[in-house]
């Protein structure tokens, strides 16, 4: 597939997102951020100008041509996204594992470790991905959907539901079963895969997006 990505501006989010419980404790997830680093490096190799918003994980192996901006907490990512989306990006890829919930109230102090129990009431966080199309109506938008142990047919169906809800161009639907990675690249009418490694998925996604710009 022919590609023409040279000088395209790409924004990628990746890694885990924290929400606070108290002054020192957070709720997080197990995202590694490796997919975002692989994507950023691949787009740079295709001549793109890439900005990576990366959560609190290592950026090992990241190409020094990538503009790296850091966040830890959900509110920090939300603020960074608003600032970056004021800029002229051709491609936006939301690969970060964004917190879906946060505590309804956060202690201003460290909660005592001597408490016999701790109850947390959670409330949904705003869906950052649902705001992308309004802010970037002409950009190519890609999201990620991770569901461990979900069967392929249902996983693809969930990806299409996200495409429709957020008006995305595609979603990478990925799963992990018995430590084996599997992913599909899903569009509204087509899907590609399975891809059995992150590098294979990244290579295919960049080629697919590049194909949209062939001859442009």
C-alpha atoms as a PDB file:
ATOM      1  CA  UNK A   1       0.000   0.000   0.000  1.00  0.00           C
ATOM      2  CA  UNK A   2       1.460   3.363  -1.021  1.00  0.00           C
ATOM      3  CA  UNK A   3       1.859   5.923   1.731  1.00  0.00           C
ATOM      4  CA  UNK A   4       2.472   9.635   1.875  1.00  0.00           C
ATOM      5  CA  UNK A   5       2.952  10.652   5.472  1.00  0.00           C
ATOM      6  CA  UNK A   6       5.889  13.037   5.134  1.00  0.00           C
ATOM      7  CA  UNK A   7       5.451  16.162   7.280  1.00  0.00           C
ATOM      8  CA  UNK A   8       2.064  15.024   8.599  1.00  0.00           C
ATOM      9  CA  UNK A   9       1.551  16.123  12.191  1.00  0.00           C
ATOM     10  CA  UNK A  10       0.678  13.288  14.558  1.00  0.00           C
ATOM     11  CA  UNK A  11      -0.517  13.410  18.168  1.00  0.00           C
ATOM     12  CA  UNK A  12      -0.378  10.179  20.196  1.00  0.00           C
ATOM     13  CA  UNK A  13      -1.419   9.516  23.800  1.00  0.00           C
ATOM     14  CA  UNK A  14      -0.154   6.440  25.612  1.00  0.00           C
ATOM     15  CA  UNK A  15       0.478   4.856  28.989  1.00  0.00           C
ATOM     16  CA  UNK A  16      -1.531   4.641  32.219  1.00  0.00           C
ATOM     17  CA  UNK A  17      -3.526   7.467  33.776  1.00  0.00           C
ATOM     18  CA  UNK A  18      -3.731   8.075  37.522  1.00  0.00           C
ATOM     19  CA  UNK A  19      -6.591   9.406  39.627  1.00  0.00           C
ATOM     20  CA  UNK A  20      -5.861  10.405  43.260  1.00  0.00           C
ATOM     21  CA  UNK A  21      -7.271   8.826  46.404  1.00  0.00           C
ATOM     22  CA  UNK A  22      -5.407  11.067  48.837  1.00  0.00           C
ATOM     23  CA  UNK A  23      -2.188  13.105  48.864  1.00  0.00           C
ATOM     24  CA  UNK A  24       0.045  10.096  48.186  1.00  0.00           C
ATOM     25  CA  UNK A  25      -2.139   7.276  46.828  1.00  0.00           C
ATOM     26  CA  UNK A  26      -3.589   6.798  43.366  1.00  0.00           C
ATOM     27  CA  UNK A  27      -5.705   4.386  41.328  1.00  0.00           C
ATOM     28  CA  UNK A  28      -3.879   3.335  38.175  1.00  0.00           C
ATOM     29  CA  UNK A  29      -3.804   0.531  35.597  1.00  0.00           C
ATOM     30  CA  UNK A  30      -1.258  -1.798  34.038  1.00  0.00           C
ATOM     31  CA  UNK A  31      -0.714  -0.024  30.693  1.00  0.00           C
ATOM     32  CA  UNK A  32       2.972  -0.029  29.720  1.00  0.00           C
ATOM     33  CA  UNK A  33       3.025   2.794  27.139  1.00  0.00           C
ATOM     34  CA  UNK A  34       5.015   0.578  24.748  1.00  0.00           C
ATOM     35  CA  UNK A  35       2.412   0.841  21.985  1.00  0.00           C
ATOM     36  CA  UNK A  36       2.678   4.633  21.991  1.00  0.00           C
ATOM     37  CA  UNK A  37       6.474   4.519  21.760  1.00  0.00           C
ATOM     38  CA  UNK A  38       6.289   2.041  18.865  1.00  0.00           C
ATOM     39  CA  UNK A  39       3.709   4.199  17.065  1.00  0.00           C
ATOM     40  CA  UNK A  40       5.681   7.408  17.597  1.00  0.00           C
ATOM     41  CA  UNK A  41       8.885   5.824  16.276  1.00  0.00           C
ATOM     42  CA  UNK A  42       7.128   4.366  13.240  1.00  0.00           C
ATOM     43  CA  UNK A  43       5.485   7.664  12.270  1.00  0.00           C
ATOM     44  CA  UNK A  44       8.822   9.472  12.646  1.00  0.00           C
ATOM     45  CA  UNK A  45      10.421   6.915  10.333  1.00  0.00           C
ATOM     46  CA  UNK A  46       7.737   7.813   7.767  1.00  0.00           C
ATOM     47  CA  UNK A  47       8.704  11.490   7.946  1.00  0.00           C
ATOM     48  CA  UNK A  48       6.000  12.695  10.339  1.00  0.00           C
ATOM     49  CA  UNK A  49       6.276  15.339  13.025  1.00  0.00           C
ATOM     50  CA  UNK A  50       5.169  13.494  16.149  1.00  0.00           C
ATOM     51  CA  UNK A  51       4.106  14.576  19.632  1.00  0.00           C
ATOM     52  CA  UNK A  52       3.704  11.841  22.257  1.00  0.00           C
ATOM     53  CA  UNK A  53       1.772  12.464  25.474  1.00  0.00           C
ATOM     54  CA  UNK A  54       3.031   9.706  27.772  1.00  0.00           C
ATOM     55  CA  UNK A  55       1.850   8.661  31.218  1.00  0.00           C
ATOM     56  CA  UNK A  56       4.011   7.677  34.210  1.00  0.00           C
ATOM     57  CA  UNK A  57       6.061   4.929  32.534  1.00  0.00           C
ATOM     58  CA  UNK A  58       9.501   4.730  30.930  1.00  0.00           C
ATOM     59  CA  UNK A  59      10.019   6.073  27.408  1.00  0.00           C
ATOM     60  CA  UNK A  60      12.709   3.494  26.662  1.00  0.00           C
ATOM     61  CA  UNK A  61      13.735   3.396  23.000  1.00  0.00           C
ATOM     62  CA  UNK A  62      11.853   6.548  22.005  1.00  0.00           C
ATOM     63  CA  UNK A  63      13.284   8.304  18.942  1.00  0.00           C
ATOM     64  CA  UNK A  64      14.757  11.683  19.939  1.00  0.00           C
ATOM     65  CA  UNK A  65      12.876  13.337  17.069  1.00  0.00           C
ATOM     66  CA  UNK A  66       9.599  12.735  18.945  1.00  0.00           C
ATOM     67  CA  UNK A  67       8.335  15.658  21.025  1.00  0.00           C
ATOM     68  CA  UNK A  68       7.638  14.027  24.410  1.00  0.00           C
ATOM     69  CA  UNK A  69       5.212  15.595  26.876  1.00  0.00           C
ATOM     70  CA  UNK A  70       4.446  13.977  30.214  1.00  0.00           C
ATOM     71  CA  UNK A  71       1.333  13.511  32.339  1.00  0.00           C
ATOM     72  CA  UNK A  72       0.467  11.375  35.347  1.00  0.00           C
ATOM     73  CA  UNK A  73      -3.077  12.289  36.370  1.00  0.00           C
ATOM     74  CA  UNK A  74      -6.315  12.308  34.374  1.00  0.00           C
ATOM     75  CA  UNK A  75      -6.717  16.069  34.807  1.00  0.00           C
ATOM     76  CA  UNK A  76      -3.186  16.616  33.479  1.00  0.00           C
ATOM     77  CA  UNK A  77      -3.908  14.531  30.373  1.00  0.00           C
ATOM     78  CA  UNK A  78      -7.206  16.334  29.822  1.00  0.00           C
ATOM     79  CA  UNK A  79      -5.488  19.724  30.060  1.00  0.00           C
ATOM     80  CA  UNK A  80      -2.642  18.656  27.748  1.00  0.00           C
ATOM     81  CA  UNK A  81      -5.095  17.354  25.169  1.00  0.00           C
ATOM     82  CA  UNK A  82      -7.020  20.624  25.110  1.00  0.00           C
ATOM     83  CA  UNK A  83      -3.818  22.585  24.516  1.00  0.00           C
ATOM     84  CA  UNK A  84      -2.498  20.233  21.849  1.00  0.00           C
ATOM     85  CA  UNK A  85      -5.789  19.982  19.971  1.00  0.00           C
ATOM     86  CA  UNK A  86      -5.702  23.740  19.430  1.00  0.00           C
ATOM     87  CA  UNK A  87      -2.815  22.947  17.078  1.00  0.00           C
ATOM     88  CA  UNK A  88      -3.038  21.642  13.535  1.00  0.00           C
ATOM     89  CA  UNK A  89      -2.764  17.841  13.773  1.00  0.00           C
ATOM     90  CA  UNK A  90      -3.507  15.623  10.779  1.00  0.00           C
ATOM     91  CA  UNK A  91      -3.675  12.422  12.819  1.00  0.00           C
ATOM     92  CA  UNK A  92      -4.705  11.878  16.451  1.00  0.00           C
ATOM     93  CA  UNK A  93      -4.298   8.473  18.099  1.00  0.00           C
ATOM     94  CA  UNK A  94      -5.738   7.962  21.575  1.00  0.00           C
ATOM     95  CA  UNK A  95      -3.852   4.893  22.829  1.00  0.00           C
ATOM     96  CA  UNK A  96      -3.621   5.930  26.499  1.00  0.00           C
ATOM     97  CA  UNK A  97      -5.412   3.801  29.063  1.00  0.00           C
ATOM     98  CA  UNK A  98      -7.569   6.655  30.316  1.00  0.00           C
ATOM     99  CA  UNK A  99      -9.164   6.296  33.749  1.00  0.00           C
ATOM    100  CA  UNK A 100     -12.893   5.636  33.401  1.00  0.00           C
ATOM    101  CA  UNK A 101     -13.646   6.453  37.042  1.00  0.00           C
ATOM    102  CA  UNK A 102     -12.295   8.637  39.817  1.00  0.00           C
ATOM    103  CA  UNK A 103     -13.123   8.953  43.529  1.00  0.00           C
ATOM    104  CA  UNK A 104     -16.072  11.202  44.246  1.00  0.00           C
ATOM    105  CA  UNK A 105     -14.011  12.855  46.972  1.00  0.00           C
ATOM    106  CA  UNK A 106     -10.245  13.017  47.536  1.00  0.00           C
ATOM    107  CA  UNK A 107      -8.652  13.359  50.959  1.00  0.00           C
ATOM    108  CA  UNK A 108      -6.479  16.428  51.436  1.00  0.00           C
ATOM    109  CA  UNK A 109      -4.256  14.379  53.744  1.00  0.00           C
ATOM    110  CA  UNK A 110      -2.793  10.895  53.714  1.00  0.00           C
ATOM    111  CA  UNK A 111      -5.457   8.417  54.810  1.00  0.00           C
ATOM    112  CA  UNK A 112      -4.293   6.511  57.867  1.00  0.00           C
ATOM    113  CA  UNK A 113      -2.921   3.047  57.139  1.00  0.00           C
ATOM    114  CA  UNK A 114      -4.318   1.909  60.508  1.00  0.00           C
ATOM    115  CA  UNK A 115      -7.910   2.104  59.256  1.00  0.00           C
ATOM    116  CA  UNK A 116      -9.591  -1.298  59.380  1.00  0.00           C
ATOM    117  CA  UNK A 117     -11.374  -0.648  56.095  1.00  0.00           C
ATOM    118  CA  UNK A 118     -11.558   1.978  53.373  1.00  0.00           C
ATOM    119  CA  UNK A 119     -14.572   2.644  51.206  1.00  0.00           C
ATOM    120  CA  UNK A 120     -14.356   4.565  47.942  1.00  0.00           C
ATOM    121  CA  UNK A 121     -17.257   5.892  45.929  1.00  0.00           C
ATOM    122  CA  UNK A 122     -16.321   6.352  42.277  1.00  0.00           C
ATOM    123  CA  UNK A 123     -17.844   8.514  39.578  1.00  0.00           C
ATOM    124  CA  UNK A 124     -17.261   8.438  35.808  1.00  0.00           C
ATOM    125  CA  UNK A 125     -14.617  10.685  34.277  1.00  0.00           C
ATOM    126  CA  UNK A 126     -15.460  12.681  31.138  1.00  0.00           C
ATOM    127  CA  UNK A 127     -14.834  10.704  27.933  1.00  0.00           C
ATOM    128  CA  UNK A 128     -11.907  12.533  26.339  1.00  0.00           C
ATOM    129  CA  UNK A 129     -12.200  10.453  23.177  1.00  0.00           C
ATOM    130  CA  UNK A 130     -15.759  11.661  22.590  1.00  0.00           C
ATOM    131  CA  UNK A 131     -14.524  15.260  22.267  1.00  0.00           C
ATOM    132  CA  UNK A 132     -11.918  14.616  19.573  1.00  0.00           C
ATOM    133  CA  UNK A 133     -14.103  14.857  16.466  1.00  0.00           C
ATOM    134  CA  UNK A 134     -15.636  18.163  17.549  1.00  0.00           C
ATOM    135  CA  UNK A 135     -12.175  19.629  18.142  1.00  0.00           C
ATOM    136  CA  UNK A 136     -10.515  18.057  15.072  1.00  0.00           C
ATOM    137  CA  UNK A 137     -13.277  17.614  12.465  1.00  0.00           C
ATOM    138  CA  UNK A 138     -10.874  17.018   9.555  1.00  0.00           C
ATOM    139  CA  UNK A 139      -8.255  14.871  11.298  1.00  0.00           C
ATOM    140  CA  UNK A 140      -7.811  11.114  11.055  1.00  0.00           C
ATOM    141  CA  UNK A 141      -8.855   9.832  14.499  1.00  0.00           C
ATOM    142  CA  UNK A 142      -7.960   6.435  15.936  1.00  0.00           C
ATOM    143  CA  UNK A 143      -8.837   4.942  19.302  1.00  0.00           C
ATOM    144  CA  UNK A 144      -7.971   1.817  21.236  1.00  0.00           C
ATOM    145  CA  UNK A 145     -10.249  -0.723  22.914  1.00  0.00           C
ATOM    146  CA  UNK A 146      -8.711  -3.238  25.325  1.00  0.00           C
ATOM    147  CA  UNK A 147     -10.788  -6.141  26.595  1.00  0.00           C
ATOM    148  CA  UNK A 148      -8.852  -9.055  28.159  1.00  0.00           C
ATOM    149  CA  UNK A 149     -10.079 -12.550  27.300  1.00  0.00           C
ATOM    150  CA  UNK A 150     -12.856 -11.286  24.995  1.00  0.00           C
ATOM    151  CA  UNK A 151     -13.701 -13.367  21.917  1.00  0.00           C
ATOM    152  CA  UNK A 152     -12.745 -11.793  18.580  1.00  0.00           C
ATOM    153  CA  UNK A 153     -16.278 -11.360  17.260  1.00  0.00           C
ATOM    154  CA  UNK A 154     -17.433  -9.507  20.384  1.00  0.00           C
ATOM    155  CA  UNK A 155     -14.214  -7.475  20.513  1.00  0.00           C
ATOM    156  CA  UNK A 156     -14.738  -6.232  16.957  1.00  0.00           C
ATOM    157  CA  UNK A 157     -18.359  -5.425  17.769  1.00  0.00           C
ATOM    158  CA  UNK A 158     -17.263  -3.347  20.781  1.00  0.00           C
ATOM    159  CA  UNK A 159     -14.733  -1.522  18.583  1.00  0.00           C
ATOM    160  CA  UNK A 160     -17.455  -0.576  16.081  1.00  0.00           C
ATOM    161  CA  UNK A 161     -19.595   0.678  18.931  1.00  0.00           C
ATOM    162  CA  UNK A 162     -16.756   3.011  19.942  1.00  0.00           C
ATOM    163  CA  UNK A 163     -16.239   4.137  16.334  1.00  0.00           C
ATOM    164  CA  UNK A 164     -19.896   5.150  16.168  1.00  0.00           C
ATOM    165  CA  UNK A 165     -20.030   6.770  19.617  1.00  0.00           C
ATOM    166  CA  UNK A 166     -16.896   8.890  19.126  1.00  0.00           C
ATOM    167  CA  UNK A 167     -17.041   9.301  15.318  1.00  0.00           C
ATOM    168  CA  UNK A 168     -13.598   7.740  14.808  1.00  0.00           C
ATOM    169  CA  UNK A 169     -11.939   6.548  11.617  1.00  0.00           C
ATOM    170  CA  UNK A 170     -10.735   3.329  13.224  1.00  0.00           C
ATOM    171  CA  UNK A 171     -10.236   1.506  16.508  1.00  0.00           C
ATOM    172  CA  UNK A 172      -7.513  -0.951  17.475  1.00  0.00           C
ATOM    173  CA  UNK A 173      -9.337  -3.686  19.379  1.00  0.00           C
ATOM    174  CA  UNK A 174      -6.845  -5.664  21.418  1.00  0.00           C
ATOM    175  CA  UNK A 175      -6.977  -8.517  23.879  1.00  0.00           C
ATOM    176  CA  UNK A 176      -4.664 -10.530  26.106  1.00  0.00           C
ATOM    177  CA  UNK A 177      -5.446 -14.169  26.860  1.00  0.00           C
ATOM    178  CA  UNK A 178      -2.971 -16.502  28.588  1.00  0.00           C
ATOM    179  CA  UNK A 179      -0.321 -13.786  28.069  1.00  0.00           C
ATOM    180  CA  UNK A 180      -0.890 -13.887  24.301  1.00  0.00           C
ATOM    181  CA  UNK A 181      -1.511 -10.569  22.565  1.00  0.00           C
ATOM    182  CA  UNK A 182      -4.089 -10.310  19.783  1.00  0.00           C
ATOM    183  CA  UNK A 183      -5.374  -7.213  17.992  1.00  0.00           C
ATOM    184  CA  UNK A 184      -7.650  -6.169  15.130  1.00  0.00           C
ATOM    185  CA  UNK A 185      -7.741  -2.851  13.310  1.00  0.00           C
ATOM    186  CA  UNK A 186     -11.428  -2.089  12.901  1.00  0.00           C
ATOM    187  CA  UNK A 187     -13.131   0.411  10.601  1.00  0.00           C
ATOM    188  CA  UNK A 188     -16.872   0.992  10.295  1.00  0.00           C
ATOM    189  CA  UNK A 189     -17.171  -1.645   7.561  1.00  0.00           C
ATOM    190  CA  UNK A 190     -13.809  -3.434   7.403  1.00  0.00           C
ATOM    191  CA  UNK A 191     -11.472  -5.072   9.885  1.00  0.00           C
ATOM    192  CA  UNK A 192      -7.916  -6.360   9.599  1.00  0.00           C
ATOM    193  CA  UNK A 193      -6.052  -8.966  11.626  1.00  0.00           C
ATOM    194  CA  UNK A 194      -5.532 -10.695  13.893  1.00  0.00           C
ATOM    195  CA  UNK A 195      -2.128  -9.219  14.631  1.00  0.00           C
ATOM    196  CA  UNK A 196      -0.252 -11.292  17.182  1.00  0.00           C
ATOM    197  CA  UNK A 197       2.322  -8.728  18.310  1.00  0.00           C
ATOM    198  CA  UNK A 198       2.373  -4.992  18.990  1.00  0.00           C
ATOM    199  CA  UNK A 199       5.048  -4.289  16.339  1.00  0.00           C
ATOM    200  CA  UNK A 200       2.961  -6.126  13.720  1.00  0.00           C
ATOM    201  CA  UNK A 201      -0.162  -4.170  14.683  1.00  0.00           C
ATOM    202  CA  UNK A 202       1.707  -0.835  14.694  1.00  0.00           C
ATOM    203  CA  UNK A 203       3.244  -1.486  11.279  1.00  0.00           C
ATOM    204  CA  UNK A 204      -0.176  -2.319   9.831  1.00  0.00           C
ATOM    205  CA  UNK A 205      -1.904   0.668  11.439  1.00  0.00           C
ATOM    206  CA  UNK A 206       0.683   3.149  10.156  1.00  0.00           C
ATOM    207  CA  UNK A 207       0.434   1.642   6.655  1.00  0.00           C
ATOM    208  CA  UNK A 208      -3.358   1.819   6.773  1.00  0.00           C
ATOM    209  CA  UNK A 209      -3.342   5.472   7.833  1.00  0.00           C
ATOM    210  CA  UNK A 210      -0.586   6.254   5.327  1.00  0.00           C
ATOM    211  CA  UNK A 211      -2.699   4.749   2.581  1.00  0.00           C
ATOM    212  CA  UNK A 212      -5.382   7.337   3.285  1.00  0.00           C
ATOM    213  CA  UNK A 213      -2.857  10.028   2.363  1.00  0.00           C
ATOM    214  CA  UNK A 214      -1.427   8.298  -0.722  1.00  0.00           C
ATOM    215  CA  UNK A 215      -1.125  10.848  -3.496  1.00  0.00           C
ATOM    216  CA  UNK A 216      -2.104  13.756  -1.226  1.00  0.00           C
END
